[in-house]
């Protein structure tokens, strides 16, 4: 147990040291202005997106984002160069936790001063589920609904085809029965004539002697 705690503490110290070294390796550029209008958007339980703006004309080639929990010294340092994006995803966040974010612009000469700190809090899982509107539909739910509709259409088509086959079979059997009716009538008439009183070969009726 003690060994696990020591390993966790050592990992935390190394992460803090790596963030400090990364931040210190970026030289300051006095000609750059700090990013403006830093905003946290799309706040989820375990993620968020930070956006910002820069002054027109600043030779910005990248950005650096510093993220840390409130009242905690350990920081996460995110840096990206050769990009013109003005946003960055924050991931692996803890739910119901307050975070502080700074943003810096990066040029060929170094980095700008950090922006004003932005504080935000991630919601609880239960709060996120409760805040979801009944009318809000996610892409996953749309895909499931489309699959259900496709399945229902397939079932309806199969049932209609089966009914059409039954009706066609019935009509065929009805036509066969109808075609056989004249032959049946002729057979009945023939049978009835054969069953009538027989006549004498010479044309007279047979009479019995009294």
C-alpha atoms as a PDB file:
ATOM      1  CA  UNK A   1       0.000   0.000   0.000  1.00  0.00           C
ATOM      2  CA  UNK A   2       2.824   2.374   0.953  1.00  0.00           C
ATOM      3  CA  UNK A   3       4.666   1.509  -2.263  1.00  0.00           C
ATOM      4  CA  UNK A   4       1.589   2.395  -4.328  1.00  0.00           C
ATOM      5  CA  UNK A   5       1.266   5.743  -2.549  1.00  0.00           C
ATOM      6  CA  UNK A   6       4.931   6.472  -3.137  1.00  0.00           C
ATOM      7  CA  UNK A   7       4.584   5.639  -6.843  1.00  0.00           C
ATOM      8  CA  UNK A   8       1.540   7.920  -7.185  1.00  0.00           C
ATOM      9  CA  UNK A   9       3.349  10.759  -5.411  1.00  0.00           C
ATOM     10  CA  UNK A  10       6.434  10.303  -7.600  1.00  0.00           C
ATOM     11  CA  UNK A  11       4.290  10.356 -10.762  1.00  0.00           C
ATOM     12  CA  UNK A  12       2.605  13.570  -9.611  1.00  0.00           C
ATOM     13  CA  UNK A  13       5.970  15.217  -8.928  1.00  0.00           C
ATOM     14  CA  UNK A  14       7.318  14.185 -12.344  1.00  0.00           C
ATOM     15  CA  UNK A  15       4.192  15.517 -14.081  1.00  0.00           C
ATOM     16  CA  UNK A  16       4.502  18.826 -12.236  1.00  0.00           C
ATOM     17  CA  UNK A  17       8.193  19.048 -13.100  1.00  0.00           C
ATOM     18  CA  UNK A  18       7.516  18.276 -16.760  1.00  0.00           C
ATOM     19  CA  UNK A  19       4.873  21.006 -16.927  1.00  0.00           C
ATOM     20  CA  UNK A  20       7.236  23.492 -15.297  1.00  0.00           C
ATOM     21  CA  UNK A  21      10.087  22.647 -17.653  1.00  0.00           C
ATOM     22  CA  UNK A  22       7.830  22.857 -20.708  1.00  0.00           C
ATOM     23  CA  UNK A  23       6.562  26.258 -19.647  1.00  0.00           C
ATOM     24  CA  UNK A  24      10.029  27.548 -18.882  1.00  0.00           C
ATOM     25  CA  UNK A  25      11.356  26.402 -22.265  1.00  0.00           C
ATOM     26  CA  UNK A  26       9.079  28.866 -24.064  1.00  0.00           C
ATOM     27  CA  UNK A  27      10.812  32.235 -24.229  1.00  0.00           C
ATOM     28  CA  UNK A  28       8.820  35.398 -23.678  1.00  0.00           C
ATOM     29  CA  UNK A  29       8.017  37.581 -26.682  1.00  0.00           C
ATOM     30  CA  UNK A  30       7.330  41.147 -25.615  1.00  0.00           C
ATOM     31  CA  UNK A  31       5.785  42.013 -29.001  1.00  0.00           C
ATOM     32  CA  UNK A  32       2.925  39.536 -28.561  1.00  0.00           C
ATOM     33  CA  UNK A  33      -0.292  40.405 -26.789  1.00  0.00           C
ATOM     34  CA  UNK A  34      -2.016  37.995 -24.459  1.00  0.00           C
ATOM     35  CA  UNK A  35      -4.994  36.135 -25.965  1.00  0.00           C
ATOM     36  CA  UNK A  36      -8.352  37.850 -25.552  1.00  0.00           C
ATOM     37  CA  UNK A  37     -11.888  36.689 -24.779  1.00  0.00           C
ATOM     38  CA  UNK A  38     -10.817  33.350 -23.380  1.00  0.00           C
ATOM     39  CA  UNK A  39     -13.984  31.311 -22.997  1.00  0.00           C
ATOM     40  CA  UNK A  40     -14.811  27.790 -21.829  1.00  0.00           C
ATOM     41  CA  UNK A  41     -17.430  26.052 -23.973  1.00  0.00           C
ATOM     42  CA  UNK A  42     -19.023  22.620 -24.272  1.00  0.00           C
ATOM     43  CA  UNK A  43     -18.446  21.818 -20.616  1.00  0.00           C
ATOM     44  CA  UNK A  44     -19.068  18.124 -20.006  1.00  0.00           C
ATOM     45  CA  UNK A  45     -18.477  15.856 -17.026  1.00  0.00           C
ATOM     46  CA  UNK A  46     -14.965  14.884 -18.174  1.00  0.00           C
ATOM     47  CA  UNK A  47     -14.138  17.382 -20.931  1.00  0.00           C
ATOM     48  CA  UNK A  48     -14.426  20.983 -22.097  1.00  0.00           C
ATOM     49  CA  UNK A  49     -13.229  23.259 -24.906  1.00  0.00           C
ATOM     50  CA  UNK A  50     -11.349  26.529 -24.401  1.00  0.00           C
ATOM     51  CA  UNK A  51     -11.505  29.211 -27.125  1.00  0.00           C
ATOM     52  CA  UNK A  52      -9.817  32.576 -27.491  1.00  0.00           C
ATOM     53  CA  UNK A  53      -9.011  35.426 -29.874  1.00  0.00           C
ATOM     54  CA  UNK A  54      -5.795  37.230 -30.796  1.00  0.00           C
ATOM     55  CA  UNK A  55      -5.003  40.751 -31.936  1.00  0.00           C
ATOM     56  CA  UNK A  56      -4.938  41.170 -35.686  1.00  0.00           C
ATOM     57  CA  UNK A  57      -1.386  41.311 -36.988  1.00  0.00           C
ATOM     58  CA  UNK A  58       0.227  39.280 -34.223  1.00  0.00           C
ATOM     59  CA  UNK A  59       2.653  36.733 -35.799  1.00  0.00           C
ATOM     60  CA  UNK A  60       1.126  33.801 -33.938  1.00  0.00           C
ATOM     61  CA  UNK A  61       2.185  30.284 -34.948  1.00  0.00           C
ATOM     62  CA  UNK A  62       0.741  28.314 -32.030  1.00  0.00           C
ATOM     63  CA  UNK A  63      -0.612  28.362 -28.512  1.00  0.00           C
ATOM     64  CA  UNK A  64       0.038  27.083 -25.019  1.00  0.00           C
ATOM     65  CA  UNK A  65      -2.714  26.232 -22.539  1.00  0.00           C
ATOM     66  CA  UNK A  66      -2.112  25.787 -18.833  1.00  0.00           C
ATOM     67  CA  UNK A  67      -4.777  23.885 -16.918  1.00  0.00           C
ATOM     68  CA  UNK A  68      -4.858  23.180 -13.206  1.00  0.00           C
ATOM     69  CA  UNK A  69      -7.346  22.338 -10.515  1.00  0.00           C
ATOM     70  CA  UNK A  70      -8.259  25.124  -8.143  1.00  0.00           C
ATOM     71  CA  UNK A  71      -6.177  25.069  -4.949  1.00  0.00           C
ATOM     72  CA  UNK A  72      -3.893  22.415  -6.477  1.00  0.00           C
ATOM     73  CA  UNK A  73      -0.352  23.245  -7.609  1.00  0.00           C
ATOM     74  CA  UNK A  74      -0.061  20.451 -10.194  1.00  0.00           C
ATOM     75  CA  UNK A  75      -0.670  21.736 -13.740  1.00  0.00           C
ATOM     76  CA  UNK A  76      -1.205  20.312 -17.203  1.00  0.00           C
ATOM     77  CA  UNK A  77       0.608  22.104 -20.004  1.00  0.00           C
ATOM     78  CA  UNK A  78      -0.710  21.764 -23.574  1.00  0.00           C
ATOM     79  CA  UNK A  79       1.331  23.278 -26.406  1.00  0.00           C
ATOM     80  CA  UNK A  80       0.841  23.193 -30.168  1.00  0.00           C
ATOM     81  CA  UNK A  81       2.728  25.053 -32.932  1.00  0.00           C
ATOM     82  CA  UNK A  82       2.346  25.451 -36.695  1.00  0.00           C
ATOM     83  CA  UNK A  83      -1.392  25.899 -36.315  1.00  0.00           C
ATOM     84  CA  UNK A  84      -3.891  28.722 -36.678  1.00  0.00           C
ATOM     85  CA  UNK A  85      -6.571  27.169 -34.490  1.00  0.00           C
ATOM     86  CA  UNK A  86      -8.061  29.257 -31.718  1.00  0.00           C
ATOM     87  CA  UNK A  87      -9.422  26.452 -29.580  1.00  0.00           C
ATOM     88  CA  UNK A  88      -8.176  23.531 -27.528  1.00  0.00           C
ATOM     89  CA  UNK A  89      -9.916  20.498 -26.042  1.00  0.00           C
ATOM     90  CA  UNK A  90      -9.447  19.770 -22.355  1.00  0.00           C
ATOM     91  CA  UNK A  91      -9.894  16.092 -21.557  1.00  0.00           C
ATOM     92  CA  UNK A  92      -9.679  13.619 -18.679  1.00  0.00           C
ATOM     93  CA  UNK A  93     -11.280  16.092 -16.280  1.00  0.00           C
ATOM     94  CA  UNK A  94     -12.829  15.122 -12.954  1.00  0.00           C
ATOM     95  CA  UNK A  95     -16.535  15.652 -12.447  1.00  0.00           C
ATOM     96  CA  UNK A  96     -17.745  18.372 -10.067  1.00  0.00           C
ATOM     97  CA  UNK A  97     -14.294  19.985  -9.997  1.00  0.00           C
ATOM     98  CA  UNK A  98     -13.154  23.598 -10.466  1.00  0.00           C
ATOM     99  CA  UNK A  99     -10.358  24.299 -12.937  1.00  0.00           C
ATOM    100  CA  UNK A 100      -8.288  27.372 -13.813  1.00  0.00           C
ATOM    101  CA  UNK A 101      -7.106  27.906 -17.396  1.00  0.00           C
ATOM    102  CA  UNK A 102      -4.534  30.318 -18.896  1.00  0.00           C
ATOM    103  CA  UNK A 103      -3.763  30.702 -22.607  1.00  0.00           C
ATOM    104  CA  UNK A 104      -0.603  32.043 -24.255  1.00  0.00           C
ATOM    105  CA  UNK A 105       0.140  32.788 -27.898  1.00  0.00           C
ATOM    106  CA  UNK A 106       3.375  31.505 -29.418  1.00  0.00           C
ATOM    107  CA  UNK A 107       5.447  33.178 -32.161  1.00  0.00           C
ATOM    108  CA  UNK A 108       8.866  32.538 -33.669  1.00  0.00           C
ATOM    109  CA  UNK A 109      10.324  34.788 -30.970  1.00  0.00           C
ATOM    110  CA  UNK A 110       8.672  33.147 -27.972  1.00  0.00           C
ATOM    111  CA  UNK A 111       5.395  33.299 -26.071  1.00  0.00           C
ATOM    112  CA  UNK A 112       3.036  36.056 -25.049  1.00  0.00           C
ATOM    113  CA  UNK A 113       2.069  36.892 -21.476  1.00  0.00           C
ATOM    114  CA  UNK A 114      -0.621  34.570 -20.122  1.00  0.00           C
ATOM    115  CA  UNK A 115      -4.230  35.559 -20.518  1.00  0.00           C
ATOM    116  CA  UNK A 116      -6.490  36.412 -17.642  1.00  0.00           C
ATOM    117  CA  UNK A 117      -7.308  33.249 -15.696  1.00  0.00           C
ATOM    118  CA  UNK A 118     -10.645  31.625 -16.458  1.00  0.00           C
ATOM    119  CA  UNK A 119     -12.378  29.570 -13.789  1.00  0.00           C
ATOM    120  CA  UNK A 120     -14.943  26.895 -14.595  1.00  0.00           C
ATOM    121  CA  UNK A 121     -16.468  23.850 -12.923  1.00  0.00           C
ATOM    122  CA  UNK A 122     -17.326  20.497 -14.446  1.00  0.00           C
ATOM    123  CA  UNK A 123     -20.821  19.215 -13.625  1.00  0.00           C
ATOM    124  CA  UNK A 124     -21.768  16.026 -11.845  1.00  0.00           C
ATOM    125  CA  UNK A 125     -22.940  13.111 -13.935  1.00  0.00           C
ATOM    126  CA  UNK A 126     -26.353  13.300 -12.273  1.00  0.00           C
ATOM    127  CA  UNK A 127     -26.614  17.047 -12.956  1.00  0.00           C
ATOM    128  CA  UNK A 128     -25.773  16.528 -16.625  1.00  0.00           C
ATOM    129  CA  UNK A 129     -28.430  13.846 -17.006  1.00  0.00           C
ATOM    130  CA  UNK A 130     -31.028  15.968 -15.182  1.00  0.00           C
ATOM    131  CA  UNK A 131     -30.274  19.044 -17.302  1.00  0.00           C
ATOM    132  CA  UNK A 132     -30.816  17.145 -20.544  1.00  0.00           C
ATOM    133  CA  UNK A 133     -34.036  18.320 -22.156  1.00  0.00           C
ATOM    134  CA  UNK A 134     -36.635  15.660 -23.031  1.00  0.00           C
ATOM    135  CA  UNK A 135     -36.703  17.088 -26.552  1.00  0.00           C
ATOM    136  CA  UNK A 136     -32.908  16.941 -26.917  1.00  0.00           C
ATOM    137  CA  UNK A 137     -31.907  14.211 -29.302  1.00  0.00           C
ATOM    138  CA  UNK A 138     -28.331  12.988 -29.647  1.00  0.00           C
ATOM    139  CA  UNK A 139     -26.805  11.616 -32.835  1.00  0.00           C
ATOM    140  CA  UNK A 140     -26.768   8.139 -31.299  1.00  0.00           C
ATOM    141  CA  UNK A 141     -30.491   8.328 -30.582  1.00  0.00           C
ATOM    142  CA  UNK A 142     -31.124   9.545 -34.135  1.00  0.00           C
ATOM    143  CA  UNK A 143     -29.199   6.566 -35.500  1.00  0.00           C
ATOM    144  CA  UNK A 144     -31.143   4.151 -33.307  1.00  0.00           C
ATOM    145  CA  UNK A 145     -34.453   5.689 -34.401  1.00  0.00           C
ATOM    146  CA  UNK A 146     -33.422   5.399 -38.048  1.00  0.00           C
ATOM    147  CA  UNK A 147     -32.538   1.726 -37.554  1.00  0.00           C
ATOM    148  CA  UNK A 148     -35.908   1.102 -35.894  1.00  0.00           C
ATOM    149  CA  UNK A 149     -37.754   2.817 -38.740  1.00  0.00           C
ATOM    150  CA  UNK A 150     -35.812   0.781 -41.309  1.00  0.00           C
ATOM    151  CA  UNK A 151     -36.672  -2.435 -39.459  1.00  0.00           C
ATOM    152  CA  UNK A 152     -40.334  -1.491 -39.291  1.00  0.00           C
ATOM    153  CA  UNK A 153     -40.396  -0.742 -43.023  1.00  0.00           C
ATOM    154  CA  UNK A 154     -38.817  -4.123 -43.793  1.00  0.00           C
ATOM    155  CA  UNK A 155     -41.432  -5.904 -41.678  1.00  0.00           C
ATOM    156  CA  UNK A 156     -44.264  -3.992 -43.361  1.00  0.00           C
ATOM    157  CA  UNK A 157     -42.922  -4.832 -46.847  1.00  0.00           C
ATOM    158  CA  UNK A 158     -42.593  -8.529 -45.961  1.00  0.00           C
ATOM    159  CA  UNK A 159     -46.156  -8.630 -44.601  1.00  0.00           C
ATOM    160  CA  UNK A 160     -47.513  -6.908 -47.713  1.00  0.00           C
ATOM    161  CA  UNK A 161     -45.669  -9.348 -49.983  1.00  0.00           C
ATOM    162  CA  UNK A 162     -47.064 -12.284 -48.019  1.00  0.00           C
ATOM    163  CA  UNK A 163     -50.587 -10.907 -48.244  1.00  0.00           C
ATOM    164  CA  UNK A 164     -50.179 -10.332 -51.986  1.00  0.00           C
ATOM    165  CA  UNK A 165     -49.052 -13.942 -52.390  1.00  0.00           C
ATOM    166  CA  UNK A 166     -52.041 -15.220 -50.396  1.00  0.00           C
ATOM    167  CA  UNK A 167     -54.459 -13.127 -52.462  1.00  0.00           C
ATOM    168  CA  UNK A 168     -52.864 -14.271 -55.740  1.00  0.00           C
ATOM    169  CA  UNK A 169     -53.092 -17.924 -54.637  1.00  0.00           C
ATOM    170  CA  UNK A 170     -56.737 -17.481 -53.653  1.00  0.00           C
ATOM    171  CA  UNK A 171     -57.592 -15.889 -57.015  1.00  0.00           C
ATOM    172  CA  UNK A 172     -55.851 -18.728 -58.852  1.00  0.00           C
ATOM    173  CA  UNK A 173     -57.740 -21.374 -56.922  1.00  0.00           C
ATOM    174  CA  UNK A 174     -60.996 -19.498 -57.498  1.00  0.00           C
ATOM    175  CA  UNK A 175     -60.372 -19.395 -61.272  1.00  0.00           C
ATOM    176  CA  UNK A 176     -59.662 -23.143 -61.309  1.00  0.00           C
ATOM    177  CA  UNK A 177     -62.867 -23.874 -59.411  1.00  0.00           C
ATOM    178  CA  UNK A 178     -64.869 -21.597 -61.694  1.00  0.00           C
ATOM    179  CA  UNK A 179     -63.425 -23.233 -64.830  1.00  0.00           C
ATOM    180  CA  UNK A 180     -64.367 -26.693 -63.524  1.00  0.00           C
ATOM    181  CA  UNK A 181     -67.999 -25.791 -62.799  1.00  0.00           C
ATOM    182  CA  UNK A 182     -69.311 -26.340 -66.441  1.00  0.00           C
ATOM    183  CA  UNK A 183     -67.693 -29.791 -66.562  1.00  0.00           C
ATOM    184  CA  UNK A 184     -69.219 -30.655 -63.229  1.00  0.00           C
ATOM    185  CA  UNK A 185     -72.682 -29.589 -64.468  1.00  0.00           C
ATOM    186  CA  UNK A 186     -72.311 -31.745 -67.597  1.00  0.00           C
ATOM    187  CA  UNK A 187     -71.287 -34.730 -65.524  1.00  0.00           C
ATOM    188  CA  UNK A 188     -74.248 -34.218 -63.231  1.00  0.00           C
ATOM    189  CA  UNK A 189     -76.657 -34.045 -66.207  1.00  0.00           C
ATOM    190  CA  UNK A 190     -75.182 -37.197 -67.739  1.00  0.00           C
ATOM    191  CA  UNK A 191     -75.412 -39.071 -64.487  1.00  0.00           C
ATOM    192  CA  UNK A 192     -79.038 -38.051 -64.009  1.00  0.00           C
ATOM    193  CA  UNK A 193     -79.999 -39.271 -67.532  1.00  0.00           C
ATOM    194  CA  UNK A 194     -78.342 -42.614 -66.981  1.00  0.00           C
ATOM    195  CA  UNK A 195     -80.281 -43.105 -63.776  1.00  0.00           C
ATOM    196  CA  UNK A 196     -83.718 -42.643 -65.483  1.00  0.00           C
ATOM    197  CA  UNK A 197     -86.232 -45.657 -66.195  1.00  0.00           C
ATOM    198  CA  UNK A 198     -84.751 -47.972 -68.853  1.00  0.00           C
ATOM    199  CA  UNK A 199     -86.761 -48.527 -72.043  1.00  0.00           C
ATOM    200  CA  UNK A 200     -87.450 -51.794 -73.901  1.00  0.00           C
ATOM    201  CA  UNK A 201     -85.058 -52.407 -76.758  1.00  0.00           C
ATOM    202  CA  UNK A 202     -88.004 -52.266 -79.238  1.00  0.00           C
ATOM    203  CA  UNK A 203     -89.405 -49.109 -77.803  1.00  0.00           C
ATOM    204  CA  UNK A 204     -92.067 -50.605 -75.527  1.00  0.00           C
ATOM    205  CA  UNK A 205     -92.114 -50.738 -71.771  1.00  0.00           C
ATOM    206  CA  UNK A 206     -91.554 -54.005 -70.028  1.00  0.00           C
ATOM    207  CA  UNK A 207     -94.667 -55.308 -68.424  1.00  0.00           C
ATOM    208  CA  UNK A 208     -95.002 -58.146 -66.060  1.00  0.00           C
ATOM    209  CA  UNK A 209     -97.535 -60.904 -66.605  1.00  0.00           C
ATOM    210  CA  UNK A 210    -100.229 -61.074 -63.987  1.00  0.00           C
END
